PDB file of N, CA and C in Angstrom:
ATOM      1  N   MET A   1     -82.329  78.279  85.156  1.00  0.00           N
ATOM      2  CA  MET A   1     -83.614  78.283  84.642  1.00  0.00           C
ATOM      3  C   MET A   1     -84.272  79.227  83.588  1.00  0.00           C
ATOM      4  N   GLY A   2     -84.627  78.988  82.261  1.00  0.00           N
ATOM      5  CA  GLY A   2     -85.392  80.103  81.767  1.00  0.00           C
ATOM      6  C   GLY A   2     -86.742  80.212  81.948  1.00  0.00           C
ATOM      7  N   THR A   3     -87.269  81.243  81.538  1.00  0.00           N
ATOM      8  CA  THR A   3     -88.453  81.759  81.266  1.00  0.00           C
ATOM      9  C   THR A   3     -88.935  82.050  79.931  1.00  0.00           C
ATOM     10  N   SER A   4     -90.155  81.572  79.562  1.00  0.00           N
ATOM     11  CA  SER A   4     -90.831  82.113  78.466  1.00  0.00           C
ATOM     12  C   SER A   4     -92.114  82.536  78.597  1.00  0.00           C
ATOM     13  N   PHE A   5     -92.328  83.338  77.568  1.00  0.00           N
ATOM     14  CA  PHE A   5     -93.802  83.943  77.490  1.00  0.00           C
ATOM     15  C   PHE A   5     -94.762  83.047  76.533  1.00  0.00           C
ATOM     16  N   VAL A   6     -96.057  82.901  77.304  1.00  0.00           N
ATOM     17  CA  VAL A   6     -97.062  82.246  76.564  1.00  0.00           C
ATOM     18  C   VAL A   6     -97.970  83.539  76.199  1.00  0.00           C
ATOM     19  N   GLN A   7     -98.326  83.409  74.728  1.00  0.00           N
ATOM     20  CA  GLN A   7     -99.118  84.291  74.365  1.00  0.00           C
ATOM     21  C   GLN A   7    -100.336  83.970  73.444  1.00  0.00           C
ATOM     22  N   TYR A   8    -101.417  84.559  73.511  1.00  0.00           N
ATOM     23  CA  TYR A   8    -102.571  84.401  72.836  1.00  0.00           C
ATOM     24  C   TYR A   8    -103.298  85.695  72.697  1.00  0.00           C
ATOM     25  N   LYS A   9    -103.652  85.840  71.494  1.00  0.00           N
ATOM     26  CA  LYS A   9    -104.566  87.115  71.198  1.00  0.00           C
ATOM     27  C   LYS A   9    -103.954  88.484  71.864  1.00  0.00           C
ATOM     28  N   GLY A  10    -102.625  88.885  71.693  1.00  0.00           N
ATOM     29  CA  GLY A  10    -101.989  89.805  72.307  1.00  0.00           C
ATOM     30  C   GLY A  10    -101.733  89.863  73.672  1.00  0.00           C
ATOM     31  N   PHE A  11    -102.152  88.819  74.474  1.00  0.00           N
ATOM     32  CA  PHE A  11    -102.121  88.879  76.067  1.00  0.00           C
ATOM     33  C   PHE A  11    -101.049  87.565  76.279  1.00  0.00           C
ATOM     34  N   GLY A  12    -100.752  87.593  77.563  1.00  0.00           N
ATOM     35  CA  GLY A  12    -100.096  86.138  77.890  1.00  0.00           C
ATOM     36  C   GLY A  12     -99.334  86.236  79.377  1.00  0.00           C
ATOM     37  N   PHE A  13     -98.527  85.430  79.578  1.00  0.00           N
ATOM     38  CA  PHE A  13     -97.802  85.207  80.621  1.00  0.00           C
ATOM     39  C   PHE A  13     -96.794  84.857  80.940  1.00  0.00           C
ATOM     40  N   TRP A  14     -95.766  85.189  81.700  1.00  0.00           N
ATOM     41  CA  TRP A  14     -94.385  84.541  82.086  1.00  0.00           C
ATOM     42  C   TRP A  14     -94.386  83.478  82.676  1.00  0.00           C
ATOM     43  N   THR A  15     -93.668  82.280  82.370  1.00  0.00           N
ATOM     44  CA  THR A  15     -94.009  80.946  83.179  1.00  0.00           C
ATOM     45  C   THR A  15     -92.290  80.475  83.041  1.00  0.00           C
ATOM     46  N   ARG A  16     -91.815  79.789  84.218  1.00  0.00           N
ATOM     47  CA  ARG A  16     -90.579  79.137  83.945  1.00  0.00           C
ATOM     48  C   ARG A  16     -90.545  78.033  82.829  1.00  0.00           C
ATOM     49  N   ASP A  17     -89.671  77.649  82.284  1.00  0.00           N
ATOM     50  CA  ASP A  17     -89.662  76.876  81.196  1.00  0.00           C
ATOM     51  C   ASP A  17     -89.789  75.233  81.760  1.00  0.00           C
ATOM     52  N   SER A  18     -89.431  75.043  83.396  1.00  0.00           N
ATOM     53  CA  SER A  18     -89.923  73.707  83.865  1.00  0.00           C
ATOM     54  C   SER A  18     -91.139  73.528  83.925  1.00  0.00           C
ATOM     55  N   TYR A  19     -91.700  74.427  84.444  1.00  0.00           N
ATOM     56  CA  TYR A  19     -93.232  74.507  84.269  1.00  0.00           C
ATOM     57  C   TYR A  19     -93.916  74.363  83.268  1.00  0.00           C
ATOM     58  N   LEU A  20     -93.623  75.062  82.443  1.00  0.00           N
ATOM     59  CA  LEU A  20     -94.206  74.941  80.825  1.00  0.00           C
ATOM     60  C   LEU A  20     -93.951  73.601  80.291  1.00  0.00           C
ATOM     61  N   GLU A  21     -92.686  73.056  80.616  1.00  0.00           N
ATOM     62  CA  GLU A  21     -92.390  71.686  79.723  1.00  0.00           C
ATOM     63  C   GLU A  21     -93.585  70.486  80.582  1.00  0.00           C
ATOM     64  N   SER A  22     -93.495  70.708  81.715  1.00  0.00           N
ATOM     65  CA  SER A  22     -94.708  70.024  82.609  1.00  0.00           C
ATOM     66  C   SER A  22     -95.961  69.985  82.188  1.00  0.00           C
ATOM     67  N   TRP A  23     -96.333  71.153  81.684  1.00  0.00           N
ATOM     68  CA  TRP A  23     -97.769  71.578  81.371  1.00  0.00           C
ATOM     69  C   TRP A  23     -97.921  71.048  80.081  1.00  0.00           C
ATOM     70  N   LEU A  24     -96.836  71.363  79.213  1.00  0.00           N
ATOM     71  CA  LEU A  24     -96.874  70.702  77.741  1.00  0.00           C
ATOM     72  C   LEU A  24     -97.152  69.394  77.509  1.00  0.00           C
ATOM     73  N   THR A  25     -96.292  68.760  78.324  1.00  0.00           N
ATOM     74  CA  THR A  25     -96.053  67.484  78.543  1.00  0.00           C
ATOM     75  C   THR A  25     -97.423  66.541  78.758  1.00  0.00           C
ATOM     76  N   ASN A  26     -97.941  67.267  79.973  1.00  0.00           N
ATOM     77  CA  ASN A  26     -99.468  66.478  80.267  1.00  0.00           C
ATOM     78  C   ASN A  26    -100.480  67.112  79.290  1.00  0.00           C
ATOM     79  N   MET A  27    -100.429  67.927  78.744  1.00  0.00           N
ATOM     80  CA  MET A  27    -101.729  68.801  77.912  1.00  0.00           C
ATOM     81  C   MET A  27    -101.325  67.513  76.686  1.00  0.00           C
ATOM     82  N   ILE A  28    -100.158  67.248  76.053  1.00  0.00           N
ATOM     83  CA  ILE A  28    -100.061  66.236  74.819  1.00  0.00           C
ATOM     84  C   ILE A  28    -100.341  64.979  75.482  1.00  0.00           C
ATOM     85  N   GLU A  29    -100.381  64.593  76.441  1.00  0.00           N
ATOM     86  CA  GLU A  29    -100.950  63.096  76.854  1.00  0.00           C
ATOM     87  C   GLU A  29    -102.341  63.183  77.103  1.00  0.00           C
ATOM     88  N   GLU A  30    -102.846  64.330  77.197  1.00  0.00           N
ATOM     89  CA  GLU A  30    -104.489  64.472  77.405  1.00  0.00           C
ATOM     90  C   GLU A  30    -105.151  64.720  75.966  1.00  0.00           C
ATOM     91  N   LEU A  31    -104.298  65.320  75.043  1.00  0.00           N
ATOM     92  CA  LEU A  31    -104.751  65.308  73.890  1.00  0.00           C
ATOM     93  C   LEU A  31    -104.530  64.334  72.979  1.00  0.00           C
ATOM     94  N   CYS A  32    -103.385  62.935  73.215  1.00  0.00           N
ATOM     95  CA  CYS A  32    -103.333  62.237  72.406  1.00  0.00           C
ATOM     96  C   CYS A  32    -104.383  60.839  72.895  1.00  0.00           C
ATOM     97  N   LYS A  33    -105.359  61.189  73.931  1.00  0.00           N
ATOM     98  CA  LYS A  33    -106.129  60.101  74.417  1.00  0.00           C
ATOM     99  C   LYS A  33    -106.940  60.016  73.280  1.00  0.00           C
ATOM    100  N   SER A  34    -107.484  61.108  72.477  1.00  0.00           N
ATOM    101  CA  SER A  34    -108.637  60.864  71.403  1.00  0.00           C
ATOM    102  C   SER A  34    -108.027  59.898  70.450  1.00  0.00           C
ATOM    103  N   ALA A  35    -109.315  58.984  70.066  1.00  0.00           N
ATOM    104  CA  ALA A  35    -109.037  58.175  69.282  1.00  0.00           C
ATOM    105  C   ALA A  35    -108.653  58.634  67.827  1.00  0.00           C
ATOM    106  N   TYR A  36    -109.331  59.840  67.519  1.00  0.00           N
ATOM    107  CA  TYR A  36    -108.571  60.373  66.221  1.00  0.00           C
ATOM    108  C   TYR A  36    -108.239  61.366  66.429  1.00  0.00           C
ATOM    109  N   LEU A  37    -107.082  61.997  65.948  1.00  0.00           N
ATOM    110  CA  LEU A  37    -106.428  63.230  66.089  1.00  0.00           C
ATOM    111  C   LEU A  37    -106.672  63.974  64.623  1.00  0.00           C
ATOM    112  N   GLU A  38    -107.015  65.259  64.682  1.00  0.00           N
ATOM    113  CA  GLU A  38    -107.373  65.974  63.087  1.00  0.00           C
ATOM    114  C   GLU A  38    -105.589  66.347  62.966  1.00  0.00           C
ATOM    115  N   PRO A  39    -105.236  66.456  61.533  1.00  0.00           N
ATOM    116  CA  PRO A  39    -104.164  67.096  61.295  1.00  0.00           C
ATOM    117  C   PRO A  39    -103.471  68.242  62.014  1.00  0.00           C
ATOM    118  N   TRP A  40    -104.222  69.129  62.431  1.00  0.00           N
ATOM    119  CA  TRP A  40    -103.620  70.387  62.988  1.00  0.00           C
ATOM    120  C   TRP A  40    -103.440  69.895  64.633  1.00  0.00           C
ATOM    121  N   GLN A  41    -104.285  68.829  65.059  1.00  0.00           N
ATOM    122  CA  GLN A  41    -104.138  68.269  66.480  1.00  0.00           C
ATOM    123  C   GLN A  41    -102.545  67.549  66.574  1.00  0.00           C
ATOM    124  N   GLU A  42    -102.367  66.617  65.530  1.00  0.00           N
ATOM    125  CA  GLU A  42    -101.026  65.784  65.505  1.00  0.00           C
ATOM    126  C   GLU A  42     -99.958  67.120  65.375  1.00  0.00           C
ATOM    127  N   GLU A  43    -100.021  68.141  64.522  1.00  0.00           N
ATOM    128  CA  GLU A  43     -99.226  69.029  64.422  1.00  0.00           C
ATOM    129  C   GLU A  43     -98.853  69.784  65.651  1.00  0.00           C
ATOM    130  N   LEU A  44     -99.814  70.373  66.600  1.00  0.00           N
ATOM    131  CA  LEU A  44     -99.418  70.829  67.599  1.00  0.00           C
ATOM    132  C   LEU A  44     -99.007  70.143  68.547  1.00  0.00           C
ATOM    133  N   GLY A  45     -99.180  68.786  68.566  1.00  0.00           N
ATOM    134  CA  GLY A  45     -98.880  67.790  69.412  1.00  0.00           C
ATOM    135  C   GLY A  45     -97.179  67.870  69.239  1.00  0.00           C
ATOM    136  N   GLU A  46     -96.741  67.664  68.075  1.00  0.00           N
ATOM    137  CA  GLU A  46     -95.363  67.596  67.562  1.00  0.00           C
ATOM    138  C   GLU A  46     -94.743  68.996  68.110  1.00  0.00           C
ATOM    139  N   HIS A  47     -95.121  69.944  67.696  1.00  0.00           N
ATOM    140  CA  HIS A  47     -94.695  71.125  67.988  1.00  0.00           C
ATOM    141  C   HIS A  47     -94.477  71.442  69.342  1.00  0.00           C
ATOM    142  N   TRP A  48     -95.514  70.877  70.155  1.00  0.00           N
ATOM    143  CA  TRP A  48     -95.194  71.047  71.888  1.00  0.00           C
ATOM    144  C   TRP A  48     -94.208  70.059  72.209  1.00  0.00           C
ATOM    145  N   ARG A  49     -94.206  68.962  71.464  1.00  0.00           N
ATOM    146  CA  ARG A  49     -93.029  68.051  72.238  1.00  0.00           C
ATOM    147  C   ARG A  49     -91.540  68.344  71.874  1.00  0.00           C
ATOM    148  N   ILE A  50     -91.376  69.243  70.900  1.00  0.00           N
ATOM    149  CA  ILE A  50     -90.254  69.946  70.586  1.00  0.00           C
ATOM    150  C   ILE A  50     -89.825  71.334  71.560  1.00  0.00           C
ATOM    151  N   GLN A  51     -91.165  71.896  71.506  1.00  0.00           N
ATOM    152  CA  GLN A  51     -90.868  73.171  72.520  1.00  0.00           C
ATOM    153  C   GLN A  51     -90.665  72.662  73.959  1.00  0.00           C
ATOM    154  N   ALA A  52     -91.443  71.381  74.589  1.00  0.00           N
ATOM    155  CA  ALA A  52     -90.823  70.837  75.839  1.00  0.00           C
ATOM    156  C   ALA A  52     -89.489  70.502  76.019  1.00  0.00           C
ATOM    157  N   LYS A  53     -88.789  70.368  74.819  1.00  0.00           N
ATOM    158  CA  LYS A  53     -87.321  70.015  75.048  1.00  0.00           C
ATOM    159  C   LYS A  53     -86.541  71.226  75.328  1.00  0.00           C
ATOM    160  N   ILE A  54     -86.901  72.385  75.162  1.00  0.00           N
ATOM    161  CA  ILE A  54     -86.136  73.786  75.152  1.00  0.00           C
ATOM    162  C   ILE A  54     -86.327  73.909  76.562  1.00  0.00           C
ATOM    163  N   ASP A  55     -85.200  74.718  76.904  1.00  0.00           N
ATOM    164  CA  ASP A  55     -84.816  75.153  78.225  1.00  0.00           C
ATOM    165  C   ASP A  55     -83.807  76.125  77.778  1.00  0.00           C
ATOM    166  N   GLY A  56     -84.189  77.641  78.190  1.00  0.00           N
ATOM    167  CA  GLY A  56     -83.319  78.692  77.830  1.00  0.00           C
ATOM    168  C   GLY A  56     -84.019  80.016  77.487  1.00  0.00           C
ATOM    169  N   GLY A  57     -85.468  80.087  77.765  1.00  0.00           N
ATOM    170  CA  GLY A  57     -86.535  80.960  77.670  1.00  0.00           C
ATOM    171  C   GLY A  57     -86.746  81.547  76.415  1.00  0.00           C
ATOM    172  N   CYS A  58     -86.649  80.358  75.349  1.00  0.00           N
ATOM    173  CA  CYS A  58     -87.504  80.532  74.273  1.00  0.00           C
ATOM    174  C   CYS A  58     -88.664  79.566  73.433  1.00  0.00           C
ATOM    175  N   MET A  59     -89.118  79.002  74.676  1.00  0.00           N
ATOM    176  CA  MET A  59     -90.247  78.334  74.129  1.00  0.00           C
ATOM    177  C   MET A  59     -91.375  78.964  73.511  1.00  0.00           C
ATOM    178  N   SER A  60     -92.032  78.278  72.496  1.00  0.00           N
ATOM    179  CA  SER A  60     -93.227  78.918  71.614  1.00  0.00           C
ATOM    180  C   SER A  60     -94.402  77.903  71.887  1.00  0.00           C
ATOM    181  N   VAL A  61     -95.133  78.420  72.336  1.00  0.00           N
ATOM    182  CA  VAL A  61     -96.443  77.296  72.514  1.00  0.00           C
ATOM    183  C   VAL A  61     -97.488  77.661  71.092  1.00  0.00           C
ATOM    184  N   ASP A  62     -96.943  78.948  70.459  1.00  0.00           N
ATOM    185  CA  ASP A  62     -97.898  79.154  69.087  1.00  0.00           C
ATOM    186  C   ASP A  62     -99.470  78.840  69.110  1.00  0.00           C
ATOM    187  N   LEU A  63    -100.036  79.509  70.028  1.00  0.00           N
ATOM    188  CA  LEU A  63    -101.470  79.557  70.252  1.00  0.00           C
ATOM    189  C   LEU A  63    -102.359  80.078  69.049  1.00  0.00           C
ATOM    190  N   ASP A  64    -101.572  81.142  68.662  1.00  0.00           N
ATOM    191  CA  ASP A  64    -102.172  81.681  67.439  1.00  0.00           C
ATOM    192  C   ASP A  64    -102.288  81.360  66.144  1.00  0.00           C
ATOM    193  N   LYS A  65    -101.263  80.456  65.973  1.00  0.00           N
ATOM    194  CA  LYS A  65    -101.202  79.709  64.681  1.00  0.00           C
ATOM    195  C   LYS A  65    -101.903  78.502  64.706  1.00  0.00           C
ATOM    196  N   PHE A  66    -102.425  77.711  65.908  1.00  0.00           N
ATOM    197  CA  PHE A  66    -102.894  76.701  65.890  1.00  0.00           C
ATOM    198  C   PHE A  66    -104.656  76.761  66.205  1.00  0.00           C
ATOM    199  N   LEU A  67    -104.903  77.942  67.153  1.00  0.00           N
ATOM    200  CA  LEU A  67    -106.403  78.239  67.111  1.00  0.00           C
ATOM    201  C   LEU A  67    -106.919  79.291  66.501  1.00  0.00           C
ATOM    202  N   ILE A  68    -107.196  78.747  65.234  1.00  0.00           N
ATOM    203  CA  ILE A  68    -107.673  79.657  64.195  1.00  0.00           C
ATOM    204  C   ILE A  68    -109.165  80.286  64.213  1.00  0.00           C
ATOM    205  N   ASP A  69    -109.718  79.273  65.188  1.00  0.00           N
ATOM    206  CA  ASP A  69    -111.234  79.315  65.057  1.00  0.00           C
ATOM    207  C   ASP A  69    -111.871  78.812  66.603  1.00  0.00           C
ATOM    208  N   SER A  70    -113.195  79.423  66.815  1.00  0.00           N
ATOM    209  CA  SER A  70    -113.589  78.838  68.099  1.00  0.00           C
ATOM    210  C   SER A  70    -113.786  77.514  68.505  1.00  0.00           C
ATOM    211  N   LYS A  71    -113.856  76.574  67.360  1.00  0.00           N
ATOM    212  CA  LYS A  71    -114.176  75.057  67.572  1.00  0.00           C
ATOM    213  C   LYS A  71    -112.862  74.717  68.149  1.00  0.00           C
ATOM    214  N   ARG A  72    -111.443  74.981  67.694  1.00  0.00           N
ATOM    215  CA  ARG A  72    -110.391  74.607  67.971  1.00  0.00           C
ATOM    216  C   ARG A  72    -110.098  75.014  69.295  1.00  0.00           C
ATOM    217  N   GLU A  73    -110.046  76.486  69.814  1.00  0.00           N
ATOM    218  CA  GLU A  73    -110.028  77.316  71.084  1.00  0.00           C
ATOM    219  C   GLU A  73    -110.771  76.463  72.136  1.00  0.00           C
ATOM    220  N   LYS A  74    -111.995  76.150  71.701  1.00  0.00           N
ATOM    221  CA  LYS A  74    -113.084  75.565  72.783  1.00  0.00           C
ATOM    222  C   LYS A  74    -112.488  73.718  73.107  1.00  0.00           C
ATOM    223  N   LEU A  75    -111.945  73.397  72.208  1.00  0.00           N
ATOM    224  CA  LEU A  75    -111.536  72.057  72.156  1.00  0.00           C
ATOM    225  C   LEU A  75    -110.032  71.971  73.370  1.00  0.00           C
ATOM    226  N   LEU A  76    -109.326  73.148  73.004  1.00  0.00           N
ATOM    227  CA  LEU A  76    -108.179  73.295  73.666  1.00  0.00           C
ATOM    228  C   LEU A  76    -108.502  73.683  75.178  1.00  0.00           C
ATOM    229  N   ILE A  77    -109.370  74.383  75.420  1.00  0.00           N
ATOM    230  CA  ILE A  77    -109.805  74.796  76.489  1.00  0.00           C
ATOM    231  C   ILE A  77    -110.635  73.589  77.708  1.00  0.00           C
ATOM    232  N   GLU A  78    -110.972  72.825  76.658  1.00  0.00           N
ATOM    233  CA  GLU A  78    -111.760  71.219  77.518  1.00  0.00           C
ATOM    234  C   GLU A  78    -110.543  70.531  77.762  1.00  0.00           C
ATOM    235  N   ILE A  79    -109.625  70.399  76.761  1.00  0.00           N
ATOM    236  CA  ILE A  79    -108.347  69.481  77.116  1.00  0.00           C
ATOM    237  C   ILE A  79    -107.440  70.186  78.395  1.00  0.00           C
ATOM    238  N   ALA A  80    -107.447  71.307  78.381  1.00  0.00           N
ATOM    239  CA  ALA A  80    -106.776  72.014  79.485  1.00  0.00           C
ATOM    240  C   ALA A  80    -107.309  71.604  80.646  1.00  0.00           C
ATOM    241  N   GLY A  81    -108.829  71.815  80.661  1.00  0.00           N
ATOM    242  CA  GLY A  81    -109.298  71.710  82.036  1.00  0.00           C
ATOM    243  C   GLY A  81    -109.177  70.353  82.558  1.00  0.00           C
ATOM    244  N   TRP A  82    -109.159  69.326  81.765  1.00  0.00           N
ATOM    245  CA  TRP A  82    -108.803  67.811  81.935  1.00  0.00           C
ATOM    246  C   TRP A  82    -107.339  67.561  82.410  1.00  0.00           C
ATOM    247  N   THR A  83    -106.501  68.399  82.057  1.00  0.00           N
ATOM    248  CA  THR A  83    -105.243  68.236  82.220  1.00  0.00           C
ATOM    249  C   THR A  83    -104.966  68.883  83.458  1.00  0.00           C
ATOM    250  N   LEU A  84    -105.532  69.961  83.889  1.00  0.00           N
ATOM    251  CA  LEU A  84    -105.455  70.888  85.004  1.00  0.00           C
ATOM    252  C   LEU A  84    -105.905  69.957  86.348  1.00  0.00           C
ATOM    253  N   GLU A  85    -107.150  69.213  86.111  1.00  0.00           N
ATOM    254  CA  GLU A  85    -107.436  67.872  87.038  1.00  0.00           C
ATOM    255  C   GLU A  85    -106.545  66.829  87.289  1.00  0.00           C
ATOM    256  N   ARG A  86    -106.145  66.605  86.204  1.00  0.00           N
ATOM    257  CA  ARG A  86    -105.343  65.255  86.368  1.00  0.00           C
ATOM    258  C   ARG A  86    -103.673  65.701  86.997  1.00  0.00           C
ATOM    259  N   CYS A  87    -103.033  66.894  86.759  1.00  0.00           N
ATOM    260  CA  CYS A  87    -101.666  67.293  86.978  1.00  0.00           C
ATOM    261  C   CYS A  87    -101.534  68.011  88.416  1.00  0.00           C
ATOM    262  N   TYR A  88    -102.740  68.281  88.929  1.00  0.00           N
ATOM    263  CA  TYR A  88    -102.721  68.891  90.419  1.00  0.00           C
ATOM    264  C   TYR A  88    -101.925  68.389  91.498  1.00  0.00           C
ATOM    265  N   PRO A  89    -100.999  68.894  92.139  1.00  0.00           N
ATOM    266  CA  PRO A  89    -100.747  70.019  92.093  1.00  0.00           C
ATOM    267  C   PRO A  89     -99.423  70.511  91.005  1.00  0.00           C
ATOM    268  N   SER A  90     -98.747  69.741  90.608  1.00  0.00           N
ATOM    269  CA  SER A  90     -97.786  69.912  89.619  1.00  0.00           C
ATOM    270  C   SER A  90     -98.164  70.862  88.375  1.00  0.00           C
ATOM    271  N   GLY A  91     -97.500  71.926  88.027  1.00  0.00           N
ATOM    272  CA  GLY A  91     -98.015  72.626  87.034  1.00  0.00           C
ATOM    273  C   GLY A  91     -99.327  73.412  86.982  1.00  0.00           C
ATOM    274  N   PHE A  92     -99.657  73.468  88.205  1.00  0.00           N
ATOM    275  CA  PHE A  92    -101.153  73.742  88.654  1.00  0.00           C
ATOM    276  C   PHE A  92    -101.230  75.166  88.079  1.00  0.00           C
ATOM    277  N   ARG A  93    -100.280  76.305  88.890  1.00  0.00           N
ATOM    278  CA  ARG A  93    -100.339  77.644  88.431  1.00  0.00           C
ATOM    279  C   ARG A  93    -100.383  77.833  86.923  1.00  0.00           C
ATOM    280  N   THR A  94     -99.552  77.333  86.316  1.00  0.00           N
ATOM    281  CA  THR A  94     -99.181  77.459  84.916  1.00  0.00           C
ATOM    282  C   THR A  94    -100.417  76.873  84.280  1.00  0.00           C
ATOM    283  N   GLY A  95    -101.107  75.855  84.668  1.00  0.00           N
ATOM    284  CA  GLY A  95    -102.349  75.462  83.816  1.00  0.00           C
ATOM    285  C   GLY A  95    -103.440  76.408  83.974  1.00  0.00           C
ATOM    286  N   GLU A  96    -103.400  77.242  85.493  1.00  0.00           N
ATOM    287  CA  GLU A  96    -104.555  78.035  85.471  1.00  0.00           C
ATOM    288  C   GLU A  96    -104.502  79.295  84.377  1.00  0.00           C
ATOM    289  N   LEU A  97    -103.147  79.600  84.798  1.00  0.00           N
ATOM    290  CA  LEU A  97    -103.040  80.810  83.436  1.00  0.00           C
ATOM    291  C   LEU A  97    -103.016  80.403  82.163  1.00  0.00           C
ATOM    292  N   PHE A  98    -103.029  79.243  81.724  1.00  0.00           N
ATOM    293  CA  PHE A  98    -102.849  78.857  80.515  1.00  0.00           C
ATOM    294  C   PHE A  98    -104.544  79.144  80.383  1.00  0.00           C
ATOM    295  N   ILE A  99    -105.599  78.251  80.851  1.00  0.00           N
ATOM    296  CA  ILE A  99    -106.821  78.634  80.759  1.00  0.00           C
ATOM    297  C   ILE A  99    -107.320  79.745  80.722  1.00  0.00           C
ATOM    298  N   ASP A 100    -106.718  80.496  82.037  1.00  0.00           N
ATOM    299  CA  ASP A 100    -107.426  82.153  82.001  1.00  0.00           C
ATOM    300  C   ASP A 100    -106.998  82.564  80.709  1.00  0.00           C
ATOM    301  N   LEU A 101    -105.808  82.809  79.917  1.00  0.00           N
ATOM    302  CA  LEU A 101    -105.583  83.356  78.787  1.00  0.00           C
ATOM    303  C   LEU A 101    -106.458  82.758  77.622  1.00  0.00           C
ATOM    304  N   LEU A 102    -106.581  81.288  77.535  1.00  0.00           N
ATOM    305  CA  LEU A 102    -107.417  80.811  76.430  1.00  0.00           C
ATOM    306  C   LEU A 102    -109.137  81.457  76.523  1.00  0.00           C
ATOM    307  N   VAL A 103    -109.512  81.515  77.763  1.00  0.00           N
ATOM    308  CA  VAL A 103    -110.882  81.931  78.004  1.00  0.00           C
ATOM    309  C   VAL A 103    -111.014  83.333  77.641  1.00  0.00           C
ATOM    310  N   GLY A 104    -109.763  84.557  77.963  1.00  0.00           N
ATOM    311  CA  GLY A 104    -109.918  85.522  77.792  1.00  0.00           C
ATOM    312  C   GLY A 104    -109.762  86.448  79.112  1.00  0.00           C
ATOM    313  N   ARG A 105    -109.640  85.822  80.296  1.00  0.00           N
ATOM    314  CA  ARG A 105    -109.650  86.436  81.572  1.00  0.00           C
ATOM    315  C   ARG A 105    -108.265  87.239  81.867  1.00  0.00           C
ATOM    316  N   LEU A 106    -107.278  86.668  81.021  1.00  0.00           N
ATOM    317  CA  LEU A 106    -105.884  86.951  81.411  1.00  0.00           C
ATOM    318  C   LEU A 106    -105.527  88.462  80.357  1.00  0.00           C
ATOM    319  N   LYS A 107    -105.184  89.541  81.209  1.00  0.00           N
ATOM    320  CA  LYS A 107    -104.889  90.614  80.137  1.00  0.00           C
ATOM    321  C   LYS A 107    -103.512  91.300  80.549  1.00  0.00           C
ATOM    322  N   THR A 108    -102.499  90.211  80.725  1.00  0.00           N
ATOM    323  CA  THR A 108    -101.294  90.895  81.076  1.00  0.00           C
ATOM    324  C   THR A 108    -100.604  90.660  79.738  1.00  0.00           C
ATOM    325  N   THR A 109     -99.191  91.345  79.324  1.00  0.00           N
ATOM    326  CA  THR A 109     -98.621  91.476  78.429  1.00  0.00           C
ATOM    327  C   THR A 109     -97.388  91.058  78.860  1.00  0.00           C
ATOM    328  N   VAL A 110     -96.354  90.969  77.837  1.00  0.00           N
ATOM    329  CA  VAL A 110     -94.990  90.713  77.844  1.00  0.00           C
ATOM    330  C   VAL A 110     -94.277  91.820  78.912  1.00  0.00           C
ATOM    331  N   SER A 111     -94.911  92.859  79.090  1.00  0.00           N
ATOM    332  CA  SER A 111     -94.237  94.078  79.831  1.00  0.00           C
ATOM    333  C   SER A 111     -94.878  94.248  81.065  1.00  0.00           C
ATOM    334  N   SER A 112     -95.875  93.432  81.415  1.00  0.00           N
ATOM    335  CA  SER A 112     -96.795  93.446  82.947  1.00  0.00           C
ATOM    336  C   SER A 112     -95.828  92.739  83.890  1.00  0.00           C
ATOM    337  N   PRO A 113     -95.991  93.386  85.347  1.00  0.00           N
ATOM    338  CA  PRO A 113     -95.237  92.920  86.208  1.00  0.00           C
ATOM    339  C   PRO A 113     -95.454  91.539  86.598  1.00  0.00           C
ATOM    340  N   ILE A 114     -94.328  90.814  86.793  1.00  0.00           N
ATOM    341  CA  ILE A 114     -94.485  89.292  87.151  1.00  0.00           C
ATOM    342  C   ILE A 114     -94.624  88.958  88.647  1.00  0.00           C
ATOM    343  N   ASP A 115     -95.806  88.550  89.217  1.00  0.00           N
ATOM    344  CA  ASP A 115     -96.048  88.288  90.606  1.00  0.00           C
ATOM    345  C   ASP A 115     -96.308  86.734  90.717  1.00  0.00           C
ATOM    346  N   TYR A 116     -96.194  86.003  89.770  1.00  0.00           N
ATOM    347  CA  TYR A 116     -97.090  84.662  90.054  1.00  0.00           C
ATOM    348  C   TYR A 116     -96.102  83.416  89.622  1.00  0.00           C
ATOM    349  N   LEU A 117     -94.630  83.760  89.485  1.00  0.00           N
ATOM    350  CA  LEU A 117     -93.554  82.688  89.029  1.00  0.00           C
ATOM    351  C   LEU A 117     -93.598  81.618  90.375  1.00  0.00           C
ATOM    352  N   ASP A 118     -93.410  82.017  91.565  1.00  0.00           N
ATOM    353  CA  ASP A 118     -93.012  81.378  92.476  1.00  0.00           C
ATOM    354  C   ASP A 118     -94.387  80.689  93.286  1.00  0.00           C
TER     355      ASP A 118
END
């Protein structure tokens, strides 16, 4: 079972690929509930679909690529909140870390000690 590092603005967290796969799949479902998706949202959803199929420690969420302004960031935080409510308890910890990363509460880096995987 692989692990991947989810990164945004220089910070991030390690998570098991199976947890990240579950989280991204649920995020995509929530994202696609919108009647209209902007092109960047469609591209993000497709990118995450591909990443959710990878297992081996090299999944890339690419938040820095897609969240280029506060409007996009705000929307993804909102979607992540809805996803967290819907998928509890499955993927809950990964979802919490994901939201903490987006809102700037998470200050761990790739070399930070890992104490949250299990």
